[in-house]
PDB file of all heavy atoms in Angstrom:
ATOM      1  N   GLN A   1      84.202  17.069  72.047  1.00  0.00           N
ATOM      2  CA  GLN A   1      83.555  16.836  70.699  1.00  0.00           C
ATOM      3  C   GLN A   1      82.495  18.056  70.402  1.00  0.00           C
ATOM      4  O   GLN A   1      82.328  18.492  69.248  1.00  0.00           O
ATOM      5  CB  GLN A   1      82.833  15.603  70.598  1.00  0.00           C
ATOM      6  CG  GLN A   1      83.887  14.468  70.765  1.00  0.00           C
ATOM      7  CD  GLN A   1      84.885  14.527  69.740  1.00  0.00           C
ATOM      8  OE1 GLN A   1      84.787  14.610  68.533  1.00  0.00           O
ATOM      9  NE2 GLN A   1      86.180  14.503  70.247  1.00  0.00           N
ATOM     10  N   ILE A   2      81.875  18.572  71.437  1.00  0.00           N
ATOM     11  CA  ILE A   2      80.888  19.645  71.276  1.00  0.00           C
ATOM     12  C   ILE A   2      81.756  20.879  70.830  1.00  0.00           C
ATOM     13  O   ILE A   2      81.272  21.680  70.097  1.00  0.00           O
ATOM     14  CB  ILE A   2      80.187  19.970  72.551  1.00  0.00           C
ATOM     15  CG1 ILE A   2      79.152  18.839  72.859  1.00  0.00           C
ATOM     16  CG2 ILE A   2      79.462  21.289  72.503  1.00  0.00           C
ATOM     17  CD1 ILE A   2      78.444  18.842  74.129  1.00  0.00           C
ATOM     18  N   LYS A   3      83.002  21.100  71.479  1.00  0.00           N
ATOM     19  CA  LYS A   3      83.858  22.184  71.001  1.00  0.00           C
ATOM     20  C   LYS A   3      84.200  22.157  69.551  1.00  0.00           C
ATOM     21  O   LYS A   3      84.251  23.064  68.916  1.00  0.00           O
ATOM     22  CB  LYS A   3      85.094  22.223  72.041  1.00  0.00           C
ATOM     23  CG  LYS A   3      84.774  22.771  73.284  1.00  0.00           C
ATOM     24  CD  LYS A   3      86.112  22.657  74.169  1.00  0.00           C
ATOM     25  CE  LYS A   3      85.791  23.039  75.704  1.00  0.00           C
ATOM     26  NZ  LYS A   3      86.926  22.984  76.478  1.00  0.00           N
ATOM     27  N   ASN A   4      84.433  20.829  69.203  1.00  0.00           N
ATOM     28  CA  ASN A   4      84.764  20.592  67.694  1.00  0.00           C
ATOM     29  C   ASN A   4      83.555  20.964  66.875  1.00  0.00           C
ATOM     30  O   ASN A   4      83.729  21.639  65.737  1.00  0.00           O
ATOM     31  CB  ASN A   4      85.120  19.138  67.463  1.00  0.00           C
ATOM     32  CG  ASN A   4      86.448  18.738  68.032  1.00  0.00           C
ATOM     33  OD1 ASN A   4      87.270  19.536  68.358  1.00  0.00           O
ATOM     34  ND2 ASN A   4      86.674  17.504  68.109  1.00  0.00           N
ATOM     35  N   ILE A   5      82.369  20.614  67.305  1.00  0.00           N
ATOM     36  CA  ILE A   5      81.068  21.044  66.531  1.00  0.00           C
ATOM     37  C   ILE A   5      81.012  22.461  66.517  1.00  0.00           C
ATOM     38  O   ILE A   5      80.686  23.152  65.528  1.00  0.00           O
ATOM     39  CB  ILE A   5      79.978  20.377  67.222  1.00  0.00           C
ATOM     40  CG1 ILE A   5      79.902  18.824  66.960  1.00  0.00           C
ATOM     41  CG2 ILE A   5      78.674  20.935  66.637  1.00  0.00           C
ATOM     42  CD1 ILE A   5      78.858  17.994  67.714  1.00  0.00           C
ATOM     43  N   CYS A   6      81.238  23.211  67.637  1.00  0.00           N
ATOM     44  CA  CYS A   6      81.153  24.615  67.612  1.00  0.00           C
ATOM     45  C   CYS A   6      82.201  25.319  66.670  1.00  0.00           C
ATOM     46  O   CYS A   6      81.878  26.297  65.973  1.00  0.00           O
ATOM     47  CB  CYS A   6      81.420  25.202  69.026  1.00  0.00           C
ATOM     48  SG  CYS A   6      80.018  24.942  70.154  1.00  0.00           S
ATOM     49  N   GLY A   7      83.390  24.822  66.656  1.00  0.00           N
ATOM     50  CA  GLY A   7      84.358  25.179  65.642  1.00  0.00           C
ATOM     51  C   GLY A   7      83.910  25.122  64.219  1.00  0.00           C
ATOM     52  O   GLY A   7      84.226  26.026  63.509  1.00  0.00           O
ATOM     53  N   ALA A   8      83.390  23.962  64.002  1.00  0.00           N
ATOM     54  CA  ALA A   8      82.946  23.620  62.623  1.00  0.00           C
ATOM     55  C   ALA A   8      81.781  24.550  62.231  1.00  0.00           C
ATOM     56  O   ALA A   8      81.682  25.045  61.120  1.00  0.00           O
ATOM     57  CB  ALA A   8      82.644  22.253  62.402  1.00  0.00           C
ATOM     58  N   ALA A   9      80.842  24.774  63.141  1.00  0.00           N
ATOM     59  CA  ALA A   9      79.819  25.719  63.002  1.00  0.00           C
ATOM     60  C   ALA A   9      80.143  27.117  62.804  1.00  0.00           C
ATOM     61  O   ALA A   9      79.637  27.766  61.845  1.00  0.00           O
ATOM     62  CB  ALA A   9      78.727  25.623  64.243  1.00  0.00           C
ATOM     63  N   ASP A  10      81.260  27.526  63.529  1.00  0.00           N
ATOM     64  CA  ASP A  10      81.848  28.829  63.225  1.00  0.00           C
ATOM     65  C   ASP A  10      82.427  29.003  61.842  1.00  0.00           C
ATOM     66  O   ASP A  10      82.231  30.054  61.131  1.00  0.00           O
ATOM     67  CB  ASP A  10      82.834  29.211  64.275  1.00  0.00           C
ATOM     68  CG  ASP A  10      82.325  29.464  65.688  1.00  0.00           C
ATOM     69  OD1 ASP A  10      81.146  29.803  65.728  1.00  0.00           O
ATOM     70  OD2 ASP A  10      83.118  29.355  66.592  1.00  0.00           O
ATOM     71  N   GLY A  11      82.969  27.849  61.348  1.00  0.00           N
ATOM     72  CA  GLY A  11      83.541  27.896  59.928  1.00  0.00           C
ATOM     73  C   GLY A  11      82.420  27.889  59.007  1.00  0.00           C
ATOM     74  O   GLY A  11      82.583  28.618  57.933  1.00  0.00           O
ATOM     75  N   MET A  12      81.420  27.197  59.244  1.00  0.00           N
ATOM     76  CA  MET A  12      80.180  27.316  58.218  1.00  0.00           C
ATOM     77  C   MET A  12      79.544  28.624  58.250  1.00  0.00           C
ATOM     78  O   MET A  12      79.277  29.157  57.298  1.00  0.00           O
ATOM     79  CB  MET A  12      79.157  26.213  58.668  1.00  0.00           C
ATOM     80  CG  MET A  12      79.521  24.831  58.259  1.00  0.00           C
ATOM     81  SD  MET A  12      78.058  23.800  58.576  1.00  0.00           S
ATOM     82  CE  MET A  12      78.746  22.171  58.027  1.00  0.00           C
ATOM     83  N   VAL A  13      79.585  29.302  59.423  1.00  0.00           N
ATOM     84  CA  VAL A  13      78.921  30.663  59.477  1.00  0.00           C
ATOM     85  C   VAL A  13      79.826  31.589  58.638  1.00  0.00           C
ATOM     86  O   VAL A  13      79.322  32.408  57.885  1.00  0.00           O
ATOM     87  CB  VAL A  13      78.821  31.140  60.999  1.00  0.00           C
ATOM     88  CG1 VAL A  13      78.671  32.657  61.067  1.00  0.00           C
ATOM     89  CG2 VAL A  13      77.835  30.472  61.717  1.00  0.00           C
ATOM     90  N   THR A  14      81.121  31.487  58.695  1.00  0.00           N
ATOM     91  CA  THR A  14      82.017  32.302  57.993  1.00  0.00           C
ATOM     92  C   THR A  14      81.847  32.089  56.454  1.00  0.00           C
ATOM     93  O   THR A  14      81.761  33.080  55.624  1.00  0.00           O
ATOM     94  CB  THR A  14      83.511  31.889  58.232  1.00  0.00           C
ATOM     95  OG1 THR A  14      83.784  32.203  59.672  1.00  0.00           O
ATOM     96  CG2 THR A  14      84.485  32.758  57.465  1.00  0.00           C
ATOM     97  N   ILE A  15      81.665  30.817  55.994  1.00  0.00           N
ATOM     98  CA  ILE A  15      81.405  30.616  54.538  1.00  0.00           C
ATOM     99  C   ILE A  15      79.956  31.196  54.200  1.00  0.00           C
ATOM    100  O   ILE A  15      79.900  31.835  53.193  1.00  0.00           O
ATOM    101  CB  ILE A  15      81.369  28.994  54.343  1.00  0.00           C
ATOM    102  CG1 ILE A  15      82.851  28.491  54.442  1.00  0.00           C
ATOM    103  CG2 ILE A  15      80.890  28.779  52.934  1.00  0.00           C
ATOM    104  CD1 ILE A  15      82.954  27.020  54.465  1.00  0.00           C
ATOM    105  N   ALA A  16      79.027  30.889  55.045  1.00  0.00           N
ATOM    106  CA  ALA A  16      77.690  31.267  54.704  1.00  0.00           C
ATOM    107  C   ALA A  16      77.537  32.835  54.556  1.00  0.00           C
ATOM    108  O   ALA A  16      76.747  33.440  53.886  1.00  0.00           O
ATOM    109  CB  ALA A  16      76.625  30.838  55.787  1.00  0.00           C
ATOM    110  N   ASN A  17      78.326  33.542  55.399  1.00  0.00           N
ATOM    111  CA  ASN A  17      78.342  35.018  55.413  1.00  0.00           C
ATOM    112  C   ASN A  17      78.828  35.555  54.122  1.00  0.00           C
ATOM    113  O   ASN A  17      78.359  36.625  53.642  1.00  0.00           O
ATOM    114  CB  ASN A  17      79.113  35.613  56.524  1.00  0.00           C
ATOM    115  CG  ASN A  17      78.435  35.520  57.914  1.00  0.00           C
ATOM    116  OD1 ASN A  17      77.207  35.456  57.942  1.00  0.00           O
ATOM    117  ND2 ASN A  17      79.215  35.502  58.972  1.00  0.00           N
ATOM    118  N   ASN A  18      79.559  34.787  53.267  1.00  0.00           N
ATOM    119  CA  ASN A  18      80.135  35.173  52.016  1.00  0.00           C
ATOM    120  C   ASN A  18      78.889  35.191  51.004  1.00  0.00           C
ATOM    121  O   ASN A  18      79.057  35.687  49.816  1.00  0.00           O
ATOM    122  CB  ASN A  18      81.213  34.355  51.574  1.00  0.00           C
ATOM    123  CG  ASN A  18      82.423  34.523  52.424  1.00  0.00           C
ATOM    124  OD1 ASN A  18      82.694  35.548  52.989  1.00  0.00           O
ATOM    125  ND2 ASN A  18      83.287  33.547  52.443  1.00  0.00           N
ATOM    126  N   TYR A  19      77.891  34.355  51.292  1.00  0.00           N
ATOM    127  CA  TYR A  19      76.785  34.177  50.324  1.00  0.00           C
ATOM    128  C   TYR A  19      75.488  34.757  50.786  1.00  0.00           C
ATOM    129  O   TYR A  19      74.400  34.403  50.376  1.00  0.00           O
ATOM    130  CB  TYR A  19      76.705  32.671  49.990  1.00  0.00           C
ATOM    131  CG  TYR A  19      77.932  32.153  49.383  1.00  0.00           C
ATOM    132  CD1 TYR A  19      78.985  31.726  50.145  1.00  0.00           C
ATOM    133  CD2 TYR A  19      78.174  32.233  48.056  1.00  0.00           C
ATOM    134  CE1 TYR A  19      80.083  31.218  49.716  1.00  0.00           C
ATOM    135  CE2 TYR A  19      79.381  31.733  47.530  1.00  0.00           C
ATOM    136  CZ  TYR A  19      80.283  31.250  48.311  1.00  0.00           C
ATOM    137  OH  TYR A  19      81.576  30.761  47.744  1.00  0.00           O
ATOM    138  N   ASP A  20      75.453  35.580  51.858  1.00  0.00           N
ATOM    139  CA  ASP A  20      74.262  36.352  52.375  1.00  0.00           C
ATOM    140  C   ASP A  20      73.233  35.297  52.869  1.00  0.00           C
ATOM    141  O   ASP A  20      72.040  35.439  52.680  1.00  0.00           O
ATOM    142  CB  ASP A  20      73.647  37.221  51.264  1.00  0.00           C
ATOM    143  CG  ASP A  20      74.516  38.460  50.991  1.00  0.00           C
ATOM    144  OD1 ASP A  20      75.184  38.922  51.905  1.00  0.00           O
ATOM    145  OD2 ASP A  20      74.465  38.886  49.755  1.00  0.00           O
ATOM    146  N   ILE A  21      73.710  34.224  53.453  1.00  0.00           N
ATOM    147  CA  ILE A  21      72.839  33.177  54.069  1.00  0.00           C
ATOM    148  C   ILE A  21      72.689  33.551  55.558  1.00  0.00           C
ATOM    149  O   ILE A  21      73.717  33.907  56.177  1.00  0.00           O
ATOM    150  CB  ILE A  21      73.398  31.703  53.877  1.00  0.00           C
ATOM    151  CG1 ILE A  21      73.489  31.378  52.379  1.00  0.00           C
ATOM    152  CG2 ILE A  21      72.605  30.700  54.663  1.00  0.00           C
ATOM    153  CD1 ILE A  21      74.273  30.090  52.044  1.00  0.00           C
ATOM    154  N   ASP A  22      71.448  33.441  56.039  1.00  0.00           N
ATOM    155  CA  ASP A  22      71.271  33.757  57.448  1.00  0.00           C
ATOM    156  C   ASP A  22      71.935  32.876  58.392  1.00  0.00           C
ATOM    157  O   ASP A  22      71.734  31.724  58.360  1.00  0.00           O
ATOM    158  CB  ASP A  22      69.725  33.751  57.729  1.00  0.00           C
ATOM    159  CG  ASP A  22      69.328  34.062  59.116  1.00  0.00           C
ATOM    160  OD1 ASP A  22      70.129  34.873  59.771  1.00  0.00           O
ATOM    161  OD2 ASP A  22      68.274  33.711  59.662  1.00  0.00           O
ATOM    162  N   THR A  23      72.807  33.382  59.213  1.00  0.00           N
ATOM    163  CA  THR A  23      73.538  32.574  60.170  1.00  0.00           C
ATOM    164  C   THR A  23      73.183  32.932  61.615  1.00  0.00           C
ATOM    165  O   THR A  23      73.823  32.261  62.574  1.00  0.00           O
ATOM    166  CB  THR A  23      75.029  32.927  59.990  1.00  0.00           C
ATOM    167  OG1 THR A  23      75.379  34.264  60.178  1.00  0.00           O
ATOM    168  CG2 THR A  23      75.499  32.425  58.528  1.00  0.00           C
ATOM    169  N   ASP A  24      72.284  33.822  61.870  1.00  0.00           N
ATOM    170  CA  ASP A  24      72.075  34.212  63.307  1.00  0.00           C
ATOM    171  C   ASP A  24      71.596  33.048  64.206  1.00  0.00           C
ATOM    172  O   ASP A  24      72.185  32.984  65.304  1.00  0.00           O
ATOM    173  CB  ASP A  24      70.925  35.330  63.334  1.00  0.00           C
ATOM    174  CG  ASP A  24      71.383  36.632  62.713  1.00  0.00           C
ATOM    175  OD1 ASP A  24      72.700  36.821  62.613  1.00  0.00           O
ATOM    176  OD2 ASP A  24      70.544  37.481  62.343  1.00  0.00           O
ATOM    177  N   PRO A  25      70.758  32.092  63.756  1.00  0.00           N
ATOM    178  CA  PRO A  25      70.393  31.110  64.694  1.00  0.00           C
ATOM    179  C   PRO A  25      71.702  30.178  65.053  1.00  0.00           C
ATOM    180  O   PRO A  25      71.755  29.779  66.264  1.00  0.00           O
ATOM    181  CB  PRO A  25      69.360  30.278  63.913  1.00  0.00           C
ATOM    182  CG  PRO A  25      68.843  31.147  62.845  1.00  0.00           C
ATOM    183  CD  PRO A  25      69.976  32.106  62.591  1.00  0.00           C
ATOM    184  N   VAL A  26      72.481  29.906  64.154  1.00  0.00           N
ATOM    185  CA  VAL A  26      73.732  29.041  64.329  1.00  0.00           C
ATOM    186  C   VAL A  26      74.656  29.940  65.262  1.00  0.00           C
ATOM    187  O   VAL A  26      75.226  29.289  66.253  1.00  0.00           O
ATOM    188  CB  VAL A  26      74.368  28.656  63.040  1.00  0.00           C
ATOM    189  CG1 VAL A  26      75.719  27.870  63.379  1.00  0.00           C
ATOM    190  CG2 VAL A  26      73.393  27.736  62.354  1.00  0.00           C
ATOM    191  N   SER A  27      74.823  31.174  64.954  1.00  0.00           N
ATOM    192  CA  SER A  27      75.773  32.006  65.838  1.00  0.00           C
ATOM    193  C   SER A  27      75.307  32.092  67.182  1.00  0.00           C
ATOM    194  O   SER A  27      76.156  31.950  68.196  1.00  0.00           O
ATOM    195  CB  SER A  27      75.974  33.306  65.091  1.00  0.00           C
ATOM    196  OG  SER A  27      76.538  33.322  63.895  1.00  0.00           O
ATOM    197  N   ALA A  28      73.949  32.319  67.468  1.00  0.00           N
ATOM    198  CA  ALA A  28      73.425  32.338  68.730  1.00  0.00           C
ATOM    199  C   ALA A  28      73.611  31.040  69.500  1.00  0.00           C
ATOM    200  O   ALA A  28      73.951  31.018  70.657  1.00  0.00           O
ATOM    201  CB  ALA A  28      72.095  32.753  68.711  1.00  0.00           C
ATOM    202  N   ALA A  29      73.286  30.020  68.840  1.00  0.00           N
ATOM    203  CA  ALA A  29      73.247  28.631  69.473  1.00  0.00           C
ATOM    204  C   ALA A  29      74.729  28.300  69.773  1.00  0.00           C
ATOM    205  O   ALA A  29      75.015  27.719  70.895  1.00  0.00           O
ATOM    206  CB  ALA A  29      72.691  27.624  68.601  1.00  0.00           C
ATOM    207  N   THR A  30      75.661  28.686  68.912  1.00  0.00           N
ATOM    208  CA  THR A  30      77.182  28.303  69.229  1.00  0.00           C
ATOM    209  C   THR A  30      77.601  29.062  70.397  1.00  0.00           C
ATOM    210  O   THR A  30      78.276  28.656  71.271  1.00  0.00           O
ATOM    211  CB  THR A  30      77.949  28.623  67.976  1.00  0.00           C
ATOM    212  OG1 THR A  30      77.382  27.824  66.868  1.00  0.00           O
ATOM    213  CG2 THR A  30      79.357  28.238  68.172  1.00  0.00           C
ATOM    214  N   ALA A  31      77.322  30.429  70.427  1.00  0.00           N
ATOM    215  CA  ALA A  31      77.771  31.241  71.479  1.00  0.00           C
ATOM    216  C   ALA A  31      77.158  30.777  72.855  1.00  0.00           C
ATOM    217  O   ALA A  31      77.910  30.759  73.856  1.00  0.00           O
ATOM    218  CB  ALA A  31      77.272  32.639  71.262  1.00  0.00           C
ATOM    219  N   GLU A  32      75.883  30.424  72.868  1.00  0.00           N
ATOM    220  CA  GLU A  32      75.286  29.913  74.040  1.00  0.00           C
ATOM    221  C   GLU A  32      75.962  28.576  74.521  1.00  0.00           C
ATOM    222  O   GLU A  32      76.152  28.345  75.699  1.00  0.00           O
ATOM    223  CB  GLU A  32      73.834  29.764  73.945  1.00  0.00           C
ATOM    224  CG  GLU A  32      73.081  29.599  75.136  1.00  0.00           C
ATOM    225  CD  GLU A  32      71.510  29.686  75.089  1.00  0.00           C
ATOM    226  OE1 GLU A  32      70.993  29.933  74.013  1.00  0.00           O
ATOM    227  OE2 GLU A  32      70.845  29.417  76.091  1.00  0.00           O
ATOM    228  N   MET A  33      76.211  27.796  73.638  1.00  0.00           N
ATOM    229  CA  MET A  33      76.879  26.437  73.971  1.00  0.00           C
ATOM    230  C   MET A  33      78.282  26.701  74.570  1.00  0.00           C
ATOM    231  O   MET A  33      78.620  26.066  75.481  1.00  0.00           O
ATOM    232  CB  MET A  33      76.998  25.647  72.589  1.00  0.00           C
ATOM    233  CG  MET A  33      77.776  24.310  72.892  1.00  0.00           C
ATOM    234  SD  MET A  33      76.906  23.236  74.214  1.00  0.00           S
ATOM    235  CE  MET A  33      75.658  22.584  73.230  1.00  0.00           C
TER     236      MET A  33
END
């Protein structure tokens, strides 16, 4: 389930990057997880 959350977080980061929304905290937390 944590892997599912990480996958969904990666998807949100991809969407957010299209709108210049800061995604660094989520990207870092996902990579560490």
